């Protein structure tokens, strides 16, 4: 039996990958247009910094709702554990 969480995870990963690719592509177009004469290493450093920032931002945005749900579920499970411990 397939885990339904795998389907959700795959959708999230596709969203992160496609969003990152789109934003980096736009960045490269703008960078090339505005700074056509920068050195190759300046271009690489700018791309690395921008890609790192975008990846963190897109991942955070995508996972923040799941993390909030995880925290709520964890509090619920902790409460249930305490109730079971005190009742038995």
N, C-alpha and C. Protein backbone atom coordinates (compact mmCIF):
# COMPACT_ATOMS: atom_id res chain seq x y z
N UNK A 1 0.84 -1.18 0.00
CA UNK A 1 0.00 0.00 0.00
C UNK A 1 0.88 1.25 0.00
N UNK A 2 0.54 2.20 -0.85
CA UNK A 2 1.33 3.41 -0.95
C UNK A 2 0.96 4.38 0.17
N UNK A 3 1.96 5.09 0.64
CA UNK A 3 1.77 6.07 1.69
C UNK A 3 1.26 7.38 1.07
N UNK A 4 0.10 7.91 1.51
CA UNK A 4 -0.41 9.16 0.93
C UNK A 4 0.49 10.34 1.21
N UNK A 5 1.32 10.25 2.25
CA UNK A 5 2.26 11.33 2.55
C UNK A 5 3.31 11.47 1.46
N UNK A 6 3.64 10.36 0.80
CA UNK A 6 4.63 10.42 -0.28
C UNK A 6 4.13 11.28 -1.44
N UNK A 7 2.84 11.21 -1.72
CA UNK A 7 2.25 12.00 -2.79
C UNK A 7 2.32 13.49 -2.45
N UNK A 8 2.00 13.82 -1.21
CA UNK A 8 2.08 15.21 -0.75
C UNK A 8 3.52 15.70 -0.79
N UNK A 9 4.44 14.88 -0.31
CA UNK A 9 5.86 15.25 -0.34
C UNK A 9 6.33 15.49 -1.76
N UNK A 10 5.92 14.64 -2.68
CA UNK A 10 6.33 14.81 -4.08
C UNK A 10 5.79 16.12 -4.65
N UNK A 11 4.54 16.45 -4.32
CA UNK A 11 3.97 17.72 -4.78
C UNK A 11 4.75 18.90 -4.22
N UNK A 12 5.12 18.83 -2.95
CA UNK A 12 5.88 19.91 -2.33
C UNK A 12 7.26 20.05 -2.97
N UNK A 13 7.90 18.93 -3.23
CA UNK A 13 9.23 18.97 -3.86
C UNK A 13 9.16 19.54 -5.27
N UNK A 14 8.13 19.17 -6.01
CA UNK A 14 7.95 19.71 -7.36
C UNK A 14 7.70 21.22 -7.29
N UNK A 15 6.90 21.65 -6.32
CA UNK A 15 6.64 23.08 -6.14
C UNK A 15 7.93 23.83 -5.81
N UNK A 16 8.73 23.30 -4.90
CA UNK A 16 9.99 23.94 -4.53
C UNK A 16 10.93 23.98 -5.73
N UNK A 17 11.07 22.88 -6.42
CA UNK A 17 12.00 22.83 -7.57
C UNK A 17 11.56 23.76 -8.69
N UNK A 18 10.29 23.75 -9.03
CA UNK A 18 9.83 24.59 -10.14
C UNK A 18 9.86 26.07 -9.77
N UNK A 19 9.51 26.40 -8.54
CA UNK A 19 9.59 27.79 -8.10
C UNK A 19 11.02 28.30 -8.10
N UNK A 20 11.92 27.48 -7.61
CA UNK A 20 13.33 27.86 -7.58
C UNK A 20 13.87 28.03 -9.00
N UNK A 21 13.56 27.10 -9.88
CA UNK A 21 14.03 27.18 -11.27
C UNK A 21 13.50 28.44 -11.96
N UNK A 22 12.24 28.75 -11.74
CA UNK A 22 11.65 29.93 -12.35
C UNK A 22 12.30 31.21 -11.84
N UNK A 23 12.47 31.31 -10.53
CA UNK A 23 13.06 32.51 -9.95
C UNK A 23 14.53 32.68 -10.34
N UNK A 24 15.27 31.60 -10.38
CA UNK A 24 16.68 31.68 -10.78
C UNK A 24 16.79 32.04 -12.26
N UNK A 25 15.92 31.52 -13.07
CA UNK A 25 15.92 31.87 -14.50
C UNK A 25 15.65 33.37 -14.69
N UNK A 26 14.68 33.88 -13.97
CA UNK A 26 14.39 35.33 -14.03
C UNK A 26 15.60 36.13 -13.55
N UNK A 27 16.21 35.68 -12.49
CA UNK A 27 17.41 36.36 -11.97
C UNK A 27 18.52 36.38 -13.01
N UNK A 28 18.75 35.26 -13.66
CA UNK A 28 19.81 35.19 -14.67
C UNK A 28 19.52 36.14 -15.84
N UNK A 29 18.29 36.23 -16.26
CA UNK A 29 17.92 37.13 -17.36
C UNK A 29 18.17 38.58 -16.96
N UNK A 30 17.70 38.94 -15.77
CA UNK A 30 17.89 40.32 -15.29
C UNK A 30 19.37 40.61 -15.08
N UNK A 31 20.09 39.67 -14.49
CA UNK A 31 21.53 39.86 -14.24
C UNK A 31 22.27 40.06 -15.56
N UNK A 32 21.97 39.28 -16.55
CA UNK A 32 22.62 39.39 -17.85
C UNK A 32 22.30 40.72 -18.52
N UNK A 33 21.08 41.16 -18.35
CA UNK A 33 20.65 42.43 -18.97
C UNK A 33 21.30 43.63 -18.27
N UNK A 34 21.30 43.63 -16.94
CA UNK A 34 21.81 44.78 -16.18
C UNK A 34 23.33 44.79 -16.02
N UNK A 35 23.94 43.63 -15.96
CA UNK A 35 25.38 43.53 -15.69
C UNK A 35 26.04 42.59 -16.69
N UNK A 36 25.98 42.94 -17.94
CA UNK A 36 26.52 42.07 -19.00
C UNK A 36 28.03 41.95 -18.95
N UNK A 37 28.70 42.89 -18.32
CA UNK A 37 30.17 42.92 -18.36
C UNK A 37 30.85 42.44 -17.09
N UNK A 38 30.12 41.80 -16.17
CA UNK A 38 30.79 41.31 -14.96
C UNK A 38 31.58 40.04 -15.29
N UNK A 39 32.58 39.77 -14.43
CA UNK A 39 33.41 38.59 -14.68
C UNK A 39 32.60 37.33 -14.42
N UNK A 40 33.12 36.22 -14.91
CA UNK A 40 32.44 34.93 -14.74
C UNK A 40 32.31 34.56 -13.26
N UNK A 41 33.36 34.87 -12.46
CA UNK A 41 33.31 34.54 -11.04
C UNK A 41 32.34 35.44 -10.28
N UNK A 42 32.26 36.69 -10.65
CA UNK A 42 31.26 37.57 -10.04
C UNK A 42 29.85 37.05 -10.36
N UNK A 43 29.67 36.61 -11.57
CA UNK A 43 28.38 36.05 -11.98
C UNK A 43 28.07 34.78 -11.18
N UNK A 44 29.07 33.91 -11.03
CA UNK A 44 28.85 32.67 -10.27
C UNK A 44 28.51 32.95 -8.81
N UNK A 45 29.24 33.87 -8.20
CA UNK A 45 28.99 34.19 -6.78
C UNK A 45 27.59 34.78 -6.62
N UNK A 46 27.21 35.68 -7.50
CA UNK A 46 25.87 36.27 -7.43
C UNK A 46 24.79 35.20 -7.57
N UNK A 47 25.00 34.27 -8.50
CA UNK A 47 24.02 33.20 -8.71
C UNK A 47 23.95 32.27 -7.51
N UNK A 48 25.09 31.93 -6.95
CA UNK A 48 25.12 31.04 -5.77
C UNK A 48 24.41 31.68 -4.59
N UNK A 49 24.69 32.94 -4.33
CA UNK A 49 24.06 33.64 -3.21
C UNK A 49 22.55 33.74 -3.44
N UNK A 50 22.16 34.14 -4.64
CA UNK A 50 20.73 34.28 -4.94
C UNK A 50 20.03 32.93 -4.87
N UNK A 51 20.61 31.90 -5.42
CA UNK A 51 19.99 30.57 -5.41
C UNK A 51 19.83 30.05 -3.98
N UNK A 52 20.83 30.26 -3.15
CA UNK A 52 20.74 29.84 -1.75
C UNK A 52 19.59 30.56 -1.06
N UNK A 53 19.51 31.87 -1.23
CA UNK A 53 18.44 32.65 -0.63
C UNK A 53 17.06 32.19 -1.11
N UNK A 54 16.91 32.03 -2.40
CA UNK A 54 15.63 31.63 -2.97
C UNK A 54 15.23 30.24 -2.50
N UNK A 55 16.17 29.31 -2.46
CA UNK A 55 15.86 27.95 -2.03
C UNK A 55 15.37 27.93 -0.59
N UNK A 56 16.05 28.66 0.29
CA UNK A 56 15.63 28.72 1.69
C UNK A 56 14.24 29.36 1.79
N UNK A 57 14.02 30.45 1.08
CA UNK A 57 12.73 31.14 1.12
C UNK A 57 11.60 30.25 0.61
N UNK A 58 11.79 29.63 -0.54
CA UNK A 58 10.73 28.80 -1.13
C UNK A 58 10.47 27.57 -0.25
N UNK A 59 11.52 26.97 0.30
CA UNK A 59 11.34 25.81 1.17
C UNK A 59 10.60 26.21 2.45
N UNK A 60 10.99 27.33 3.03
CA UNK A 60 10.30 27.81 4.23
C UNK A 60 8.83 28.06 3.94
N UNK A 61 8.55 28.77 2.88
CA UNK A 61 7.18 29.10 2.51
C UNK A 61 6.35 27.83 2.28
N UNK A 62 6.95 26.85 1.66
CA UNK A 62 6.24 25.62 1.34
C UNK A 62 5.99 24.76 2.58
N UNK A 63 6.96 24.71 3.48
CA UNK A 63 6.87 23.79 4.61
C UNK A 63 6.31 24.40 5.89
N UNK A 64 6.13 25.71 5.94
CA UNK A 64 5.71 26.33 7.20
C UNK A 64 4.34 25.84 7.66
N UNK A 65 3.42 25.62 6.75
CA UNK A 65 2.09 25.14 7.15
C UNK A 65 2.19 23.71 7.68
N UNK A 66 2.98 22.87 7.02
CA UNK A 66 3.16 21.51 7.50
C UNK A 66 3.83 21.48 8.87
N UNK A 67 4.78 22.38 9.09
CA UNK A 67 5.47 22.43 10.37
C UNK A 67 4.51 22.85 11.48
N UNK A 68 3.64 23.81 11.19
CA UNK A 68 2.64 24.25 12.16
C UNK A 68 1.71 23.10 12.51
N UNK A 69 1.28 22.35 11.51
CA UNK A 69 0.43 21.18 11.74
C UNK A 69 1.18 20.14 12.57
N UNK A 70 2.45 19.92 12.26
CA UNK A 70 3.27 18.96 13.00
C UNK A 70 3.37 19.36 14.48
N UNK A 71 3.58 20.64 14.76
CA UNK A 71 3.68 21.10 16.15
C UNK A 71 2.36 20.87 16.88
N UNK A 72 1.24 21.18 16.22
CA UNK A 72 -0.07 20.96 16.85
C UNK A 72 -0.30 19.48 17.14
N UNK A 73 0.04 18.65 16.20
CA UNK A 73 -0.10 17.21 16.37
C UNK A 73 0.80 16.70 17.50
N UNK A 74 1.99 17.23 17.59
CA UNK A 74 2.93 16.84 18.64
C UNK A 74 2.39 17.24 20.02
N UNK A 75 1.80 18.44 20.13
CA UNK A 75 1.20 18.86 21.41
C UNK A 75 0.03 17.95 21.78
N UNK A 76 -0.78 17.59 20.79
CA UNK A 76 -1.91 16.70 21.03
C UNK A 76 -1.42 15.34 21.53
N UNK A 77 -0.41 14.79 20.86
CA UNK A 77 0.13 13.49 21.26
C UNK A 77 0.73 13.54 22.66
N UNK A 78 1.40 14.64 22.99
CA UNK A 78 1.97 14.79 24.33
C UNK A 78 0.86 14.83 25.37
N UNK A 79 -0.22 15.57 25.08
CA UNK A 79 -1.36 15.63 26.00
C UNK A 79 -2.00 14.26 26.18
N UNK A 80 -2.15 13.52 25.10
CA UNK A 80 -2.73 12.18 25.19
C UNK A 80 -1.83 11.26 26.02
N UNK A 81 -0.54 11.38 25.85
CA UNK A 81 0.40 10.56 26.61
C UNK A 81 0.29 10.86 28.09
N UNK A 82 0.18 12.13 28.44
CA UNK A 82 0.04 12.52 29.85
C UNK A 82 -1.26 11.99 30.42
N UNK A 83 -2.36 12.10 29.67
CA UNK A 83 -3.64 11.58 30.13
C UNK A 83 -3.59 10.08 30.35
N UNK A 84 -2.98 9.35 29.43
CA UNK A 84 -2.88 7.90 29.57
C UNK A 84 -2.02 7.53 30.78
N UNK A 85 -0.96 8.29 30.97
CA UNK A 85 -0.05 8.01 32.09
C UNK A 85 -0.75 8.25 33.43
N UNK A 86 -1.55 9.32 33.51
CA UNK A 86 -2.25 9.67 34.76
C UNK A 86 -3.47 8.77 35.03
N UNK A 87 -4.04 8.20 33.99
CA UNK A 87 -5.25 7.38 34.18
C UNK A 87 -4.93 5.92 34.49
N UNK A 88 -3.73 5.52 34.25
CA UNK A 88 -3.48 4.11 34.42
C UNK A 88 -2.42 3.80 35.35
